[in-house]
Amino acid sequence: MTATPSAPGDGLVRAGAIVFVVGAVATLITFAPLFLGTDPFPPVAYAVCMLMGVGFMISGAGVLRSIAAQRRTAKAVAQ
C-alpha cells in the first residue's frame, strides 16, 4: 500500500473534524438532563457545544485552502 502525500489543507480538515466531534459529544451530553429530568448543566457547558460550528469552519477553511492549491497547480501546468 502506498501512502498518498498530504495536500495543503488536509491538517485543517482533520483538526476541524476532531473539534466538530468534541462539540457534537458535548451537545449530546448537554441535552441529556432534559430527557433524564436532572438539573441542567451550567452555561459553560452550552458554550462548549459551539465547538461544532467552530470545527465546521476550520474544516471549511481546509477545503478552501486545498481548492486554492489545486487551482495554483492547474494554472501552473496550463502555462
N, C-alpha and C. Protein backbone atom coordinates (compact mmCIF):
# COMPACT_ATOMS: atom_id res chain seq x y z
N MET A 1 0.85 -1.17 0.00
CA MET A 1 0.00 0.00 0.00
C MET A 1 0.89 1.23 0.00
N THR A 2 0.60 2.18 -0.87
CA THR A 2 1.40 3.39 -0.95
C THR A 2 0.68 4.52 -0.23
N ALA A 3 1.45 5.34 0.44
CA ALA A 3 0.88 6.48 1.15
C ALA A 3 0.77 7.66 0.19
N THR A 4 -0.37 8.31 0.21
CA THR A 4 -0.54 9.48 -0.64
C THR A 4 0.02 10.70 0.09
N PRO A 5 0.63 11.60 -0.64
CA PRO A 5 1.19 12.78 0.01
C PRO A 5 0.08 13.67 0.58
N SER A 6 0.39 14.33 1.67
CA SER A 6 -0.58 15.21 2.31
C SER A 6 -0.73 16.49 1.51
N ALA A 7 -1.94 16.80 1.15
CA ALA A 7 -2.23 18.02 0.38
C ALA A 7 -2.42 19.20 1.34
N PRO A 8 -2.22 20.41 0.84
CA PRO A 8 -2.47 21.57 1.70
C PRO A 8 -3.93 21.58 2.16
N GLY A 9 -4.14 21.83 3.42
CA GLY A 9 -5.48 21.87 3.97
C GLY A 9 -5.94 20.59 4.62
N ASP A 10 -5.22 19.48 4.39
CA ASP A 10 -5.63 18.21 4.99
C ASP A 10 -5.60 18.27 6.52
N GLY A 11 -4.59 18.91 7.05
CA GLY A 11 -4.48 19.02 8.51
C GLY A 11 -5.62 19.83 9.10
N LEU A 12 -6.01 20.89 8.40
CA LEU A 12 -7.13 21.69 8.89
C LEU A 12 -8.44 20.91 8.86
N VAL A 13 -8.62 20.11 7.84
CA VAL A 13 -9.84 19.31 7.75
C VAL A 13 -9.88 18.28 8.88
N ARG A 14 -8.76 17.64 9.15
CA ARG A 14 -8.71 16.65 10.25
C ARG A 14 -8.94 17.32 11.60
N ALA A 15 -8.28 18.45 11.83
CA ALA A 15 -8.45 19.17 13.09
C ALA A 15 -9.89 19.65 13.25
N GLY A 16 -10.47 20.15 12.18
CA GLY A 16 -11.86 20.59 12.23
C GLY A 16 -12.82 19.45 12.54
N ALA A 17 -12.54 18.28 11.99
CA ALA A 17 -13.38 17.11 12.27
C ALA A 17 -13.31 16.73 13.74
N ILE A 18 -12.12 16.79 14.32
CA ILE A 18 -11.96 16.45 15.74
C ILE A 18 -12.70 17.46 16.61
N VAL A 19 -12.55 18.75 16.31
CA VAL A 19 -13.24 19.79 17.08
C VAL A 19 -14.75 19.64 16.93
N PHE A 20 -15.22 19.31 15.74
CA PHE A 20 -16.64 19.11 15.50
C PHE A 20 -17.17 17.95 16.33
N VAL A 21 -16.44 16.85 16.37
CA VAL A 21 -16.88 15.68 17.14
C VAL A 21 -16.94 16.01 18.63
N VAL A 22 -15.96 16.75 19.13
CA VAL A 22 -15.98 17.16 20.54
C VAL A 22 -17.23 18.00 20.81
N GLY A 23 -17.55 18.91 19.92
CA GLY A 23 -18.75 19.72 20.09
C GLY A 23 -20.02 18.90 20.00
N ALA A 24 -20.05 17.91 19.12
CA ALA A 24 -21.23 17.05 18.99
C ALA A 24 -21.45 16.22 20.26
N VAL A 25 -20.36 15.68 20.81
CA VAL A 25 -20.48 14.92 22.06
C VAL A 25 -20.94 15.83 23.20
N ALA A 26 -20.41 17.05 23.25
CA ALA A 26 -20.84 18.00 24.27
C ALA A 26 -22.32 18.33 24.12
N THR A 27 -22.79 18.42 22.89
CA THR A 27 -24.21 18.71 22.66
C THR A 27 -25.08 17.56 23.17
N LEU A 28 -24.67 16.34 22.88
CA LEU A 28 -25.42 15.18 23.38
C LEU A 28 -25.45 15.14 24.91
N ILE A 29 -24.31 15.43 25.51
CA ILE A 29 -24.23 15.42 26.97
C ILE A 29 -25.07 16.55 27.57
N THR A 30 -25.08 17.70 26.91
CA THR A 30 -25.83 18.84 27.41
C THR A 30 -27.33 18.61 27.34
N PHE A 31 -27.79 17.89 26.34
CA PHE A 31 -29.22 17.62 26.21
C PHE A 31 -29.68 16.47 27.09
N ALA A 32 -28.77 15.69 27.62
CA ALA A 32 -29.15 14.53 28.45
C ALA A 32 -30.01 14.91 29.65
N PRO A 33 -29.72 15.99 30.38
CA PRO A 33 -30.57 16.32 31.53
C PRO A 33 -32.02 16.62 31.16
N LEU A 34 -32.27 17.06 29.94
CA LEU A 34 -33.64 17.31 29.52
C LEU A 34 -34.46 16.03 29.49
N PHE A 35 -33.81 14.94 29.09
CA PHE A 35 -34.51 13.66 28.98
C PHE A 35 -34.47 12.86 30.28
N LEU A 36 -33.47 13.13 31.11
CA LEU A 36 -33.31 12.38 32.36
C LEU A 36 -33.99 13.07 33.54
N GLY A 37 -34.41 14.30 33.36
CA GLY A 37 -35.11 15.00 34.42
C GLY A 37 -34.18 15.51 35.52
N THR A 38 -32.90 15.68 35.25
CA THR A 38 -31.96 16.17 36.26
C THR A 38 -31.74 17.67 36.07
N ASP A 39 -30.91 18.24 36.94
CA ASP A 39 -30.60 19.67 36.84
C ASP A 39 -29.77 19.92 35.59
N PRO A 40 -30.03 21.05 34.91
CA PRO A 40 -29.24 21.36 33.70
C PRO A 40 -27.81 21.72 34.05
N PHE A 41 -26.95 21.61 33.07
CA PHE A 41 -25.55 21.96 33.25
C PHE A 41 -25.38 23.47 33.28
N PRO A 42 -24.24 23.97 33.78
CA PRO A 42 -24.01 25.42 33.79
C PRO A 42 -23.83 25.95 32.36
N PRO A 43 -23.95 27.26 32.19
CA PRO A 43 -23.85 27.85 30.84
C PRO A 43 -22.53 27.55 30.12
N VAL A 44 -21.48 27.28 30.85
CA VAL A 44 -20.20 26.97 30.22
C VAL A 44 -20.32 25.71 29.37
N ALA A 45 -21.11 24.76 29.82
CA ALA A 45 -21.31 23.52 29.06
C ALA A 45 -21.97 23.81 27.72
N TYR A 46 -22.87 24.78 27.70
CA TYR A 46 -23.53 25.13 26.44
C TYR A 46 -22.56 25.84 25.50
N ALA A 47 -21.60 26.56 26.07
CA ALA A 47 -20.59 27.22 25.24
C ALA A 47 -19.71 26.20 24.53
N VAL A 48 -19.44 25.06 25.18
CA VAL A 48 -18.63 24.01 24.57
C VAL A 48 -19.34 23.44 23.34
N CYS A 49 -20.66 23.48 23.35
CA CYS A 49 -21.43 22.99 22.20
C CYS A 49 -21.14 23.80 20.94
N MET A 50 -20.70 25.03 21.11
CA MET A 50 -20.40 25.88 19.96
C MET A 50 -19.18 25.38 19.18
N LEU A 51 -18.47 24.42 19.74
CA LEU A 51 -17.33 23.85 19.03
C LEU A 51 -17.75 23.15 17.75
N MET A 52 -19.00 22.75 17.65
CA MET A 52 -19.46 22.13 16.40
C MET A 52 -19.32 23.12 15.25
N GLY A 53 -19.78 24.33 15.47
CA GLY A 53 -19.67 25.35 14.43
C GLY A 53 -18.23 25.74 14.14
N VAL A 54 -17.43 25.83 15.20
CA VAL A 54 -16.01 26.17 15.03
C VAL A 54 -15.31 25.09 14.22
N GLY A 55 -15.58 23.84 14.54
CA GLY A 55 -14.98 22.73 13.79
C GLY A 55 -15.40 22.73 12.33
N PHE A 56 -16.65 23.06 12.09
CA PHE A 56 -17.14 23.14 10.71
C PHE A 56 -16.40 24.24 9.95
N MET A 57 -16.18 25.38 10.61
CA MET A 57 -15.47 26.48 9.95
C MET A 57 -14.00 26.13 9.71
N ILE A 58 -13.37 25.45 10.63
CA ILE A 58 -11.97 25.04 10.44
C ILE A 58 -11.87 24.08 9.26
N SER A 59 -12.77 23.12 9.19
CA SER A 59 -12.77 22.18 8.06
C SER A 59 -13.02 22.91 6.74
N GLY A 60 -13.94 23.86 6.76
CA GLY A 60 -14.21 24.63 5.55
C GLY A 60 -12.99 25.41 5.09
N ALA A 61 -12.24 25.96 6.05
CA ALA A 61 -11.01 26.67 5.70
C ALA A 61 -10.00 25.72 5.08
N GLY A 62 -9.93 24.49 5.57
CA GLY A 62 -9.03 23.50 4.99
C GLY A 62 -9.43 23.14 3.57
N VAL A 63 -10.71 23.01 3.34
CA VAL A 63 -11.19 22.70 1.98
C VAL A 63 -10.87 23.84 1.03
N LEU A 64 -11.10 25.08 1.49
CA LEU A 64 -10.80 26.23 0.64
C LEU A 64 -9.30 26.33 0.35
N ARG A 65 -8.48 26.00 1.34
CA ARG A 65 -7.02 26.02 1.13
C ARG A 65 -6.61 24.96 0.12
N SER A 66 -7.23 23.80 0.19
CA SER A 66 -6.95 22.73 -0.77
C SER A 66 -7.38 23.14 -2.18
N ILE A 67 -8.54 23.77 -2.29
CA ILE A 67 -9.02 24.23 -3.60
C ILE A 67 -8.05 25.25 -4.19
N ALA A 68 -7.59 26.18 -3.36
CA ALA A 68 -6.66 27.21 -3.85
C ALA A 68 -5.36 26.59 -4.33
N ALA A 69 -4.86 25.58 -3.61
CA ALA A 69 -3.62 24.92 -4.02
C ALA A 69 -3.81 24.17 -5.34
N GLN A 70 -4.95 23.53 -5.51
CA GLN A 70 -5.21 22.81 -6.75
C GLN A 70 -5.35 23.77 -7.92
N ARG A 71 -5.95 24.94 -7.69
CA ARG A 71 -6.08 25.93 -8.76
C ARG A 71 -4.72 26.46 -9.17
N ARG A 72 -3.84 26.72 -8.16
CA ARG A 72 -2.50 27.19 -8.49
C ARG A 72 -1.73 26.15 -9.29
N THR A 73 -1.86 24.88 -8.93
CA THR A 73 -1.19 23.81 -9.65
C THR A 73 -1.71 23.71 -11.08
N ALA A 74 -3.03 23.76 -11.22
CA ALA A 74 -3.62 23.66 -12.57
C ALA A 74 -3.22 24.84 -13.45
N LYS A 75 -3.15 26.02 -12.85
CA LYS A 75 -2.77 27.21 -13.60
C LYS A 75 -1.30 27.12 -14.03
N ALA A 76 -0.44 26.58 -13.16
CA ALA A 76 0.97 26.44 -13.48
C ALA A 76 1.17 25.41 -14.59
N VAL A 77 0.39 24.34 -14.59
CA VAL A 77 0.51 23.31 -15.62
C VAL A 77 0.00 23.85 -16.96
N ALA A 78 -1.04 24.65 -16.92
CA ALA A 78 -1.63 25.17 -18.16
C ALA A 78 -0.71 26.17 -18.86
N GLN A 79 0.15 26.82 -18.11
CA GLN A 79 1.03 27.83 -18.72
C GLN A 79 2.27 27.23 -19.26
